[in-house]
């Protein structure tokens, strides 16, 4: 009886591990929102990391986190690194900024797990240029261990909720 149970458990574990190996090698999380402000105003709140952190949902999740800015805080080359109990340890760097339409960032996490992702903000005029459709997307590789974790945790749901909150905070900041 014990051998049968052990065999069933091992077989189930083997199937789970094999299934995880078939999962996609990349992920993408994306959310959009129309913000009642012109693209130029919204662009300024995204491409300047000090202004970015006024609405960044992760800064609000861990107000005790310690952060450090590079000398340049806006545009390509601007960098921000953080360390916190709730948001872990990592850094982001603006890699491209095309006013007022796009900001690209490199996002690196060190803890609680290592990850290297890309973040893109796309800004499109809406409502005759008086509003902006902002799309916040993050994508990157999914190594095998992450594939196993994704079987139990829905990345789109977890990160997507933060992006939705962040876009709401961005809309409030742009309205000031």
N, C-alpha and C. Protein backbone atom coordinates (compact mmCIF):
# COMPACT_ATOMS: atom_id res chain seq x y z
N UNK A 1 0.82 -1.20 0.00
CA UNK A 1 0.00 0.00 0.00
C UNK A 1 0.87 1.27 0.00
N UNK A 2 1.88 1.32 0.84
CA UNK A 2 2.76 2.49 0.91
C UNK A 2 3.52 2.64 -0.39
N UNK A 3 3.94 1.52 -0.99
CA UNK A 3 4.65 1.58 -2.27
C UNK A 3 3.75 2.14 -3.36
N UNK A 4 2.50 1.76 -3.35
CA UNK A 4 1.55 2.25 -4.35
C UNK A 4 1.35 3.75 -4.20
N UNK A 5 1.18 4.22 -2.98
CA UNK A 5 0.99 5.65 -2.73
C UNK A 5 2.24 6.41 -3.15
N UNK A 6 3.41 5.92 -2.79
CA UNK A 6 4.67 6.57 -3.16
C UNK A 6 4.80 6.62 -4.68
N UNK A 7 4.44 5.54 -5.37
CA UNK A 7 4.52 5.52 -6.83
C UNK A 7 3.58 6.55 -7.45
N UNK A 8 2.35 6.65 -6.93
CA UNK A 8 1.37 7.61 -7.44
C UNK A 8 1.87 9.03 -7.22
N UNK A 9 2.42 9.31 -6.04
CA UNK A 9 2.93 10.65 -5.74
C UNK A 9 4.10 10.98 -6.66
N UNK A 10 5.02 10.04 -6.84
CA UNK A 10 6.16 10.28 -7.73
C UNK A 10 5.72 10.46 -9.19
N UNK A 11 4.75 9.68 -9.61
CA UNK A 11 4.24 9.81 -10.98
C UNK A 11 3.57 11.18 -11.17
N UNK A 12 2.80 11.61 -10.18
CA UNK A 12 2.15 12.92 -10.27
C UNK A 12 3.19 14.04 -10.30
N UNK A 13 4.22 13.92 -9.49
CA UNK A 13 5.29 14.91 -9.48
C UNK A 13 6.01 14.94 -10.82
N UNK A 14 6.28 13.77 -11.38
CA UNK A 14 6.95 13.70 -12.69
C UNK A 14 6.09 14.36 -13.77
N UNK A 15 4.78 14.11 -13.74
CA UNK A 15 3.88 14.74 -14.71
C UNK A 15 3.85 16.25 -14.54
N UNK A 16 3.85 16.72 -13.30
CA UNK A 16 3.86 18.15 -13.04
C UNK A 16 5.14 18.79 -13.57
N UNK A 17 6.27 18.17 -13.32
CA UNK A 17 7.55 18.69 -13.80
C UNK A 17 7.62 18.67 -15.33
N UNK A 18 7.10 17.62 -15.93
CA UNK A 18 7.09 17.53 -17.39
C UNK A 18 6.15 18.59 -17.98
N UNK A 19 4.99 18.78 -17.36
CA UNK A 19 4.05 19.79 -17.84
C UNK A 19 4.67 21.18 -17.76
N UNK A 20 5.36 21.49 -16.66
CA UNK A 20 6.00 22.80 -16.50
C UNK A 20 6.99 23.06 -17.63
N UNK A 21 7.68 22.02 -18.07
CA UNK A 21 8.67 22.17 -19.15
C UNK A 21 8.02 22.58 -20.47
N UNK A 22 6.73 22.30 -20.64
CA UNK A 22 6.03 22.63 -21.89
C UNK A 22 5.48 24.06 -21.89
N UNK A 23 5.56 24.75 -20.77
CA UNK A 23 5.00 26.10 -20.65
C UNK A 23 5.84 27.10 -21.46
N UNK A 24 5.29 28.26 -21.82
CA UNK A 24 6.01 29.24 -22.64
C UNK A 24 7.32 29.71 -22.00
N UNK A 25 8.27 30.06 -22.85
CA UNK A 25 9.58 30.52 -22.39
C UNK A 25 9.61 32.02 -22.11
N UNK A 26 8.52 32.73 -22.41
CA UNK A 26 8.44 34.17 -22.16
C UNK A 26 7.07 34.49 -21.57
N UNK A 27 6.99 35.66 -20.95
CA UNK A 27 5.70 36.13 -20.43
C UNK A 27 5.51 37.58 -20.86
N UNK A 28 4.27 38.04 -20.78
CA UNK A 28 3.94 39.43 -21.05
C UNK A 28 2.71 39.79 -20.21
N UNK A 29 2.82 40.89 -19.50
CA UNK A 29 1.70 41.45 -18.73
C UNK A 29 1.49 42.86 -19.26
N UNK A 30 0.25 43.22 -19.54
CA UNK A 30 -0.03 44.52 -20.14
C UNK A 30 -1.38 45.04 -19.66
N UNK A 31 -1.41 46.34 -19.36
CA UNK A 31 -2.65 47.02 -19.02
C UNK A 31 -2.66 48.38 -19.68
N UNK A 32 -3.85 48.88 -20.01
CA UNK A 32 -4.01 50.20 -20.64
C UNK A 32 -5.09 50.99 -19.93
N UNK A 33 -4.97 52.30 -20.07
CA UNK A 33 -5.98 53.20 -19.50
C UNK A 33 -5.90 54.54 -20.22
N UNK A 34 -7.05 55.15 -20.43
CA UNK A 34 -7.08 56.51 -20.98
C UNK A 34 -6.98 57.46 -19.80
N UNK A 35 -6.02 58.39 -19.91
CA UNK A 35 -5.76 59.37 -18.86
C UNK A 35 -6.11 60.74 -19.41
N UNK A 36 -6.87 61.49 -18.66
CA UNK A 36 -7.34 62.82 -19.09
C UNK A 36 -6.23 63.86 -18.94
N UNK A 37 -5.22 63.73 -19.75
CA UNK A 37 -4.11 64.68 -19.80
C UNK A 37 -3.41 64.48 -21.14
N UNK A 38 -2.82 65.53 -21.70
CA UNK A 38 -2.14 65.39 -22.99
C UNK A 38 -0.88 64.51 -22.86
N UNK A 39 -0.47 63.87 -23.95
CA UNK A 39 0.69 62.98 -23.91
C UNK A 39 1.95 63.62 -23.34
N UNK A 40 2.19 64.90 -23.61
CA UNK A 40 3.39 65.57 -23.11
C UNK A 40 3.43 65.58 -21.58
N UNK A 41 2.30 65.81 -20.94
CA UNK A 41 2.25 65.83 -19.48
C UNK A 41 2.49 64.43 -18.92
N UNK A 42 1.84 63.45 -19.52
CA UNK A 42 1.98 62.07 -19.05
C UNK A 42 3.42 61.59 -19.27
N UNK A 43 3.99 61.93 -20.42
CA UNK A 43 5.37 61.53 -20.73
C UNK A 43 6.34 62.01 -19.64
N UNK A 44 6.16 63.24 -19.19
CA UNK A 44 7.01 63.79 -18.14
C UNK A 44 6.94 63.01 -16.83
N UNK A 45 5.78 62.42 -16.55
CA UNK A 45 5.60 61.65 -15.32
C UNK A 45 6.16 60.24 -15.43
N UNK A 46 6.46 59.80 -16.64
CA UNK A 46 6.99 58.45 -16.85
C UNK A 46 8.50 58.49 -17.07
N UNK A 47 9.00 59.44 -17.84
CA UNK A 47 10.40 59.43 -18.23
C UNK A 47 11.33 60.08 -17.21
N UNK A 48 10.79 60.64 -16.13
CA UNK A 48 11.60 61.19 -15.04
C UNK A 48 11.36 60.28 -13.83
N UNK A 49 12.37 59.56 -13.38
CA UNK A 49 12.18 58.55 -12.34
C UNK A 49 11.74 59.14 -11.00
N UNK A 50 12.14 60.36 -10.70
CA UNK A 50 11.64 60.99 -9.45
C UNK A 50 10.14 61.22 -9.56
N UNK A 51 9.69 61.70 -10.70
CA UNK A 51 8.25 61.91 -10.91
C UNK A 51 7.53 60.58 -11.05
N UNK A 52 8.18 59.62 -11.67
CA UNK A 52 7.63 58.26 -11.80
C UNK A 52 7.28 57.69 -10.42
N UNK A 53 8.18 57.90 -9.46
CA UNK A 53 7.96 57.33 -8.13
C UNK A 53 6.90 58.06 -7.31
N UNK A 54 6.35 59.16 -7.82
CA UNK A 54 5.23 59.80 -7.14
C UNK A 54 3.94 59.00 -7.35
N UNK A 55 3.89 58.20 -8.41
CA UNK A 55 2.69 57.40 -8.68
C UNK A 55 2.97 55.90 -8.76
N UNK A 56 4.21 55.49 -8.69
CA UNK A 56 4.63 54.09 -8.79
C UNK A 56 3.94 53.26 -7.70
N UNK A 57 3.13 52.25 -8.06
CA UNK A 57 2.41 51.47 -7.05
C UNK A 57 3.34 50.69 -6.12
N UNK A 58 4.53 50.35 -6.59
CA UNK A 58 5.45 49.56 -5.76
C UNK A 58 6.08 50.43 -4.67
N UNK A 59 6.25 51.71 -4.93
CA UNK A 59 6.73 52.63 -3.89
C UNK A 59 5.68 52.72 -2.77
N UNK A 60 4.41 52.67 -3.15
CA UNK A 60 3.33 52.76 -2.17
C UNK A 60 3.19 51.46 -1.38
N UNK A 61 3.54 50.34 -1.99
CA UNK A 61 3.45 49.05 -1.30
C UNK A 61 4.47 48.93 -0.17
N UNK A 62 5.59 49.60 -0.33
CA UNK A 62 6.68 49.47 0.65
C UNK A 62 7.29 50.85 0.91
N UNK A 63 6.56 51.72 1.63
CA UNK A 63 7.07 53.08 1.84
C UNK A 63 8.38 53.12 2.62
N UNK A 64 8.73 52.03 3.30
CA UNK A 64 9.99 51.98 4.04
C UNK A 64 11.17 51.55 3.20
N UNK A 65 10.93 51.24 1.94
CA UNK A 65 12.03 50.81 1.06
C UNK A 65 13.02 51.95 0.88
N UNK A 66 14.28 51.58 0.77
CA UNK A 66 15.32 52.57 0.53
C UNK A 66 15.64 52.60 -0.96
N UNK A 67 15.68 53.81 -1.53
CA UNK A 67 15.95 53.95 -2.95
C UNK A 67 17.09 54.92 -3.20
N UNK A 68 17.75 54.73 -4.33
CA UNK A 68 18.85 55.61 -4.71
C UNK A 68 18.78 55.88 -6.20
N UNK A 69 18.85 57.17 -6.55
CA UNK A 69 18.80 57.59 -7.94
C UNK A 69 20.22 57.80 -8.47
N UNK A 70 20.38 57.60 -9.78
CA UNK A 70 21.64 57.96 -10.43
C UNK A 70 21.68 59.48 -10.55
N UNK A 71 22.81 60.01 -11.00
CA UNK A 71 22.93 61.46 -11.17
C UNK A 71 21.84 61.97 -12.09
N UNK A 72 21.66 61.32 -13.24
CA UNK A 72 20.56 61.68 -14.15
C UNK A 72 19.32 60.93 -13.70
N UNK A 73 18.20 61.64 -13.58
CA UNK A 73 16.96 60.98 -13.16
C UNK A 73 15.93 60.91 -14.28
N UNK A 74 16.23 61.52 -15.42
CA UNK A 74 15.26 61.52 -16.53
C UNK A 74 15.96 61.11 -17.82
N UNK A 75 15.20 60.46 -18.68
CA UNK A 75 15.70 60.08 -20.00
C UNK A 75 16.62 58.88 -19.96
N UNK A 76 17.09 58.47 -21.15
CA UNK A 76 17.97 57.31 -21.24
C UNK A 76 19.20 57.43 -20.33
N UNK A 77 19.47 56.35 -19.62
CA UNK A 77 20.59 56.32 -18.68
C UNK A 77 20.18 56.61 -17.25
N UNK A 78 18.98 57.20 -17.04
CA UNK A 78 18.50 57.44 -15.68
C UNK A 78 18.26 56.09 -15.01
N UNK A 79 18.65 56.00 -13.74
CA UNK A 79 18.58 54.71 -13.04
C UNK A 79 18.09 54.93 -11.62
N UNK A 80 17.34 53.94 -11.12
CA UNK A 80 16.85 53.95 -9.75
C UNK A 80 17.01 52.54 -9.20
N UNK A 81 17.62 52.42 -8.02
CA UNK A 81 17.78 51.12 -7.36
C UNK A 81 17.06 51.17 -6.02
N UNK A 82 16.50 50.05 -5.58
CA UNK A 82 15.75 50.01 -4.34
C UNK A 82 16.04 48.73 -3.57
N UNK A 83 15.73 48.79 -2.28
CA UNK A 83 15.81 47.62 -1.41
C UNK A 83 14.73 47.78 -0.36
N UNK A 84 13.84 46.79 -0.28
CA UNK A 84 12.75 46.87 0.67
C UNK A 84 12.31 45.51 1.14
N UNK A 85 11.59 45.49 2.25
CA UNK A 85 11.11 44.23 2.80
C UNK A 85 9.99 43.63 1.95
N UNK A 86 9.12 44.48 1.40
CA UNK A 86 7.97 44.00 0.64
C UNK A 86 8.21 43.94 -0.87
N UNK A 87 9.07 44.81 -1.38
CA UNK A 87 9.29 44.89 -2.83
C UNK A 87 10.63 44.30 -3.26
N UNK A 88 11.38 43.76 -2.33
CA UNK A 88 12.64 43.11 -2.67
C UNK A 88 13.74 44.10 -3.03
N UNK A 89 14.70 43.60 -3.80
CA UNK A 89 15.85 44.40 -4.20
C UNK A 89 15.96 44.38 -5.72
N UNK A 90 16.20 45.54 -6.29
CA UNK A 90 16.33 45.60 -7.74
C UNK A 90 16.67 46.97 -8.24
N UNK A 91 16.60 47.12 -9.55
CA UNK A 91 16.88 48.41 -10.18
C UNK A 91 16.12 48.51 -11.49
N UNK A 92 15.91 49.76 -11.91
CA UNK A 92 15.35 50.00 -13.23
C UNK A 92 16.15 51.11 -13.89
N UNK A 93 16.28 51.01 -15.19
CA UNK A 93 17.02 52.00 -15.95
C UNK A 93 16.26 52.33 -17.22
N UNK A 94 16.12 53.61 -17.50
CA UNK A 94 15.47 54.02 -18.75
C UNK A 94 16.47 53.78 -19.88
N UNK A 95 16.05 53.01 -20.85
CA UNK A 95 16.91 52.67 -21.98
C UNK A 95 16.56 53.46 -23.23
N UNK A 96 15.33 53.94 -23.30
CA UNK A 96 14.92 54.75 -24.44
C UNK A 96 13.73 55.63 -24.06
N UNK A 97 13.69 56.80 -24.65
CA UNK A 97 12.59 57.72 -24.41
C UNK A 97 12.37 58.54 -25.68
N UNK A 98 11.21 58.35 -26.28
CA UNK A 98 10.84 59.07 -27.49
C UNK A 98 9.63 59.93 -27.15
N UNK A 99 9.87 61.22 -26.96
CA UNK A 99 8.80 62.13 -26.54
C UNK A 99 7.79 62.32 -27.67
N UNK A 100 6.53 62.40 -27.34
CA UNK A 100 5.89 62.01 -26.10
C UNK A 100 5.21 60.64 -26.21
N UNK A 101 5.85 59.70 -26.91
CA UNK A 101 5.15 58.47 -27.28
C UNK A 101 5.61 57.19 -26.59
N UNK A 102 6.86 57.12 -26.12
CA UNK A 102 7.34 55.84 -25.63
C UNK A 102 8.48 56.00 -24.62
N UNK A 103 8.45 55.16 -23.59
CA UNK A 103 9.55 55.05 -22.64
C UNK A 103 9.82 53.56 -22.44
N UNK A 104 11.07 53.15 -22.65
CA UNK A 104 11.47 51.76 -22.44
C UNK A 104 12.42 51.68 -21.26
N UNK A 105 12.27 50.62 -20.47
CA UNK A 105 13.10 50.44 -19.28
C UNK A 105 13.61 49.01 -19.18
N UNK A 106 14.78 48.90 -18.58
CA UNK A 106 15.33 47.60 -18.19
C UNK A 106 15.03 47.45 -16.71
N UNK A 107 14.43 46.33 -16.32
CA UNK A 107 14.03 46.09 -14.94
C UNK A 107 14.75 44.84 -14.44
N UNK A 108 15.58 45.00 -13.43
CA UNK A 108 16.35 43.87 -12.89
C UNK A 108 16.01 43.67 -11.42
N UNK A 109 15.66 42.44 -11.08
CA UNK A 109 15.41 42.07 -9.69
C UNK A 109 16.55 41.18 -9.21
N UNK A 110 16.95 41.38 -7.96
CA UNK A 110 17.99 40.56 -7.35
C UNK A 110 17.36 39.65 -6.30
N UNK A 111 16.43 40.20 -5.51
CA UNK A 111 15.77 39.45 -4.45
C UNK A 111 14.30 39.88 -4.41
N UNK A 112 13.39 39.04 -4.08
CA UNK A 112 13.58 37.71 -3.51
C UNK A 112 13.99 36.65 -4.54
N UNK A 113 13.95 36.99 -5.81
CA UNK A 113 14.44 36.07 -6.85
C UNK A 113 15.02 36.92 -7.98
N UNK A 114 15.89 36.33 -8.75
CA UNK A 114 16.51 37.06 -9.85
C UNK A 114 15.61 37.04 -11.08
N UNK A 115 15.48 38.20 -11.70
CA UNK A 115 14.70 38.31 -12.93
C UNK A 115 15.18 39.53 -13.71
N UNK A 116 15.17 39.42 -15.01
CA UNK A 116 15.60 40.51 -15.89
C UNK A 116 14.52 40.69 -16.96
N UNK A 117 13.79 41.80 -16.85
CA UNK A 117 12.64 42.03 -17.72
C UNK A 117 12.74 43.38 -18.41
N UNK A 118 11.84 43.57 -19.34
CA UNK A 118 11.73 44.81 -20.10
C UNK A 118 10.37 45.41 -19.79
N UNK A 119 10.34 46.73 -19.61
CA UNK A 119 9.09 47.46 -19.36
C UNK A 119 8.95 48.51 -20.46
N UNK A 120 7.76 48.62 -21.02
CA UNK A 120 7.48 49.61 -22.05
C UNK A 120 6.22 50.38 -21.70
N UNK A 121 6.31 51.70 -21.81
CA UNK A 121 5.15 52.57 -21.69
C UNK A 121 4.92 53.17 -23.07
N UNK A 122 3.72 52.94 -23.61
CA UNK A 122 3.35 53.50 -24.90
C UNK A 122 2.25 54.52 -24.65
N UNK A 123 2.43 55.72 -25.18
CA UNK A 123 1.49 56.81 -24.99
C UNK A 123 0.94 57.22 -26.34
N UNK A 124 -0.38 57.16 -26.49
CA UNK A 124 -1.03 57.52 -27.75
C UNK A 124 -2.08 58.60 -27.47
N UNK A 125 -2.08 59.66 -28.29
CA UNK A 125 -3.09 60.71 -28.11
C UNK A 125 -4.49 60.11 -28.23
N UNK A 126 -5.40 60.62 -27.43
CA UNK A 126 -6.78 60.15 -27.43
C UNK A 126 -7.66 61.38 -27.21
N UNK A 127 -8.85 61.36 -27.73
CA UNK A 127 -9.76 62.48 -27.51
C UNK A 127 -9.26 63.79 -28.07
N UNK A 128 -8.72 63.75 -29.28
CA UNK A 128 -8.23 64.97 -29.92
C UNK A 128 -6.97 65.52 -29.28
N UNK A 129 -6.20 64.68 -28.59
CA UNK A 129 -4.95 65.11 -27.98
C UNK A 129 -5.11 65.65 -26.57
N UNK A 130 -6.36 65.69 -26.07
CA UNK A 130 -6.59 66.17 -24.71
C UNK A 130 -6.43 65.05 -23.68
N UNK A 131 -6.38 63.83 -24.17
CA UNK A 131 -6.22 62.66 -23.30
C UNK A 131 -5.14 61.76 -23.91
N UNK A 132 -4.72 60.78 -23.13
CA UNK A 132 -3.66 59.86 -23.57
C UNK A 132 -4.01 58.44 -23.20
N UNK A 133 -3.92 57.55 -24.17
CA UNK A 133 -4.04 56.11 -23.86
C UNK A 133 -2.64 55.64 -23.50
N UNK A 134 -2.50 55.22 -22.23
CA UNK A 134 -1.22 54.73 -21.74
C UNK A 134 -1.28 53.22 -21.64
N UNK A 135 -0.31 52.55 -22.25
CA UNK A 135 -0.19 51.10 -22.14
C UNK A 135 1.10 50.80 -21.40
N UNK A 136 0.97 50.06 -20.31
CA UNK A 136 2.11 49.66 -19.47
C UNK A 136 2.29 48.17 -19.68
N UNK A 137 3.43 47.77 -20.21
CA UNK A 137 3.68 46.35 -20.49
C UNK A 137 5.02 45.93 -19.88
N UNK A 138 5.07 44.71 -19.42
CA UNK A 138 6.32 44.11 -18.95
C UNK A 138 6.42 42.73 -19.59
N UNK A 139 7.60 42.41 -20.08
CA UNK A 139 7.80 41.09 -20.67
C UNK A 139 9.22 40.63 -20.40
N UNK A 140 9.41 39.33 -20.48
CA UNK A 140 10.74 38.79 -20.24
C UNK A 140 10.76 37.28 -20.31
N UNK A 141 11.92 36.70 -20.04
CA UNK A 141 12.08 35.25 -20.11
C UNK A 141 11.46 34.56 -18.89
N UNK A 142 11.11 33.29 -19.08
CA UNK A 142 10.59 32.47 -17.99
C UNK A 142 11.47 31.23 -17.88
N UNK A 143 12.46 31.26 -16.99
CA UNK A 143 13.28 30.06 -16.80
C UNK A 143 12.46 28.94 -16.17
N UNK A 144 13.01 27.74 -16.16
CA UNK A 144 12.26 26.56 -15.72
C UNK A 144 11.67 26.72 -14.32
N UNK A 145 12.44 27.22 -13.36
CA UNK A 145 11.92 27.37 -12.00
C UNK A 145 10.72 28.31 -11.98
N UNK A 146 10.79 29.38 -12.77
CA UNK A 146 9.65 30.30 -12.86
C UNK A 146 8.44 29.62 -13.50
N UNK A 147 8.69 28.73 -14.46
CA UNK A 147 7.58 27.99 -15.07
C UNK A 147 6.85 27.18 -14.00
N UNK A 148 7.60 26.58 -13.09
CA UNK A 148 6.98 25.83 -11.99
C UNK A 148 6.15 26.76 -11.11
N UNK A 149 6.71 27.92 -10.77
CA UNK A 149 5.98 28.87 -9.93
C UNK A 149 4.72 29.37 -10.63
N UNK A 150 4.79 29.59 -11.94
CA UNK A 150 3.64 30.09 -12.69
C UNK A 150 2.49 29.08 -12.73
N UNK A 151 2.77 27.82 -12.45
CA UNK A 151 1.69 26.83 -12.38
C UNK A 151 0.78 27.10 -11.18
N UNK A 152 1.32 27.76 -10.15
CA UNK A 152 0.57 27.99 -8.92
C UNK A 152 0.22 29.46 -8.69
N UNK A 153 0.96 30.37 -9.34
CA UNK A 153 0.73 31.80 -9.17
C UNK A 153 0.50 32.41 -10.54
N UNK A 154 -0.59 33.16 -10.68
CA UNK A 154 -0.92 33.78 -11.95
C UNK A 154 -0.24 35.15 -12.05
N UNK A 155 0.83 35.20 -12.83
CA UNK A 155 1.62 36.42 -12.98
C UNK A 155 0.77 37.56 -13.54
N UNK A 156 -0.05 37.28 -14.53
CA UNK A 156 -0.87 38.33 -15.13
C UNK A 156 -1.81 38.94 -14.09
N UNK A 157 -2.40 38.10 -13.28
CA UNK A 157 -3.34 38.60 -12.26
C UNK A 157 -2.60 39.42 -11.20
N UNK A 158 -1.47 38.90 -10.70
CA UNK A 158 -0.75 39.58 -9.63
C UNK A 158 -0.15 40.91 -10.10
N UNK A 159 0.62 40.89 -11.15
CA UNK A 159 1.28 42.10 -11.65
C UNK A 159 0.26 43.01 -12.33
N UNK A 160 -0.69 42.43 -13.04
CA UNK A 160 -1.71 43.22 -13.73
C UNK A 160 -2.48 44.11 -12.78
N UNK A 161 -2.80 43.63 -11.61
CA UNK A 161 -3.51 44.43 -10.60
C UNK A 161 -2.65 45.62 -10.19
N UNK A 162 -1.35 45.39 -10.01
CA UNK A 162 -0.45 46.50 -9.66
C UNK A 162 -0.40 47.53 -10.78
N UNK A 163 -0.36 47.06 -12.04
CA UNK A 163 -0.34 47.97 -13.18
C UNK A 163 -1.63 48.79 -13.23
N UNK A 164 -2.76 48.15 -12.99
CA UNK A 164 -4.04 48.86 -12.98
C UNK A 164 -4.04 49.95 -11.90
N UNK A 165 -3.58 49.58 -10.70
CA UNK A 165 -3.49 50.58 -9.62
C UNK A 165 -2.56 51.71 -10.02
N UNK A 166 -1.40 51.36 -10.57
CA UNK A 166 -0.42 52.37 -10.97
C UNK A 166 -0.96 53.33 -12.01
N UNK A 167 -1.68 52.81 -12.99
CA UNK A 167 -2.27 53.68 -14.01
C UNK A 167 -3.31 54.61 -13.40
N UNK A 168 -4.02 54.14 -12.38
CA UNK A 168 -4.95 55.01 -11.65
C UNK A 168 -4.20 56.12 -10.91
N UNK A 169 -3.08 55.76 -10.26
CA UNK A 169 -2.27 56.76 -9.56
C UNK A 169 -1.67 57.75 -10.56
N UNK A 170 -1.25 57.24 -11.74
CA UNK A 170 -0.71 58.11 -12.78
C UNK A 170 -1.78 59.10 -13.25
N UNK A 171 -2.99 58.62 -13.42
CA UNK A 171 -4.09 59.51 -13.85
C UNK A 171 -4.32 60.61 -12.80
N UNK A 172 -4.29 60.25 -11.53
CA UNK A 172 -4.48 61.25 -10.47
C UNK A 172 -3.34 62.26 -10.45
N UNK A 173 -2.12 61.79 -10.65
CA UNK A 173 -0.95 62.69 -10.65
C UNK A 173 -1.00 63.62 -11.87
N UNK A 174 -1.42 63.09 -13.02
CA UNK A 174 -1.49 63.91 -14.25
C UNK A 174 -2.59 64.97 -14.14
N UNK A 175 -3.59 64.73 -13.31
CA UNK A 175 -4.69 65.68 -13.16
C UNK A 175 -4.33 66.87 -12.27
N UNK A 176 -3.22 66.77 -11.56
CA UNK A 176 -2.82 67.86 -10.63
C UNK A 176 -2.39 69.09 -11.37
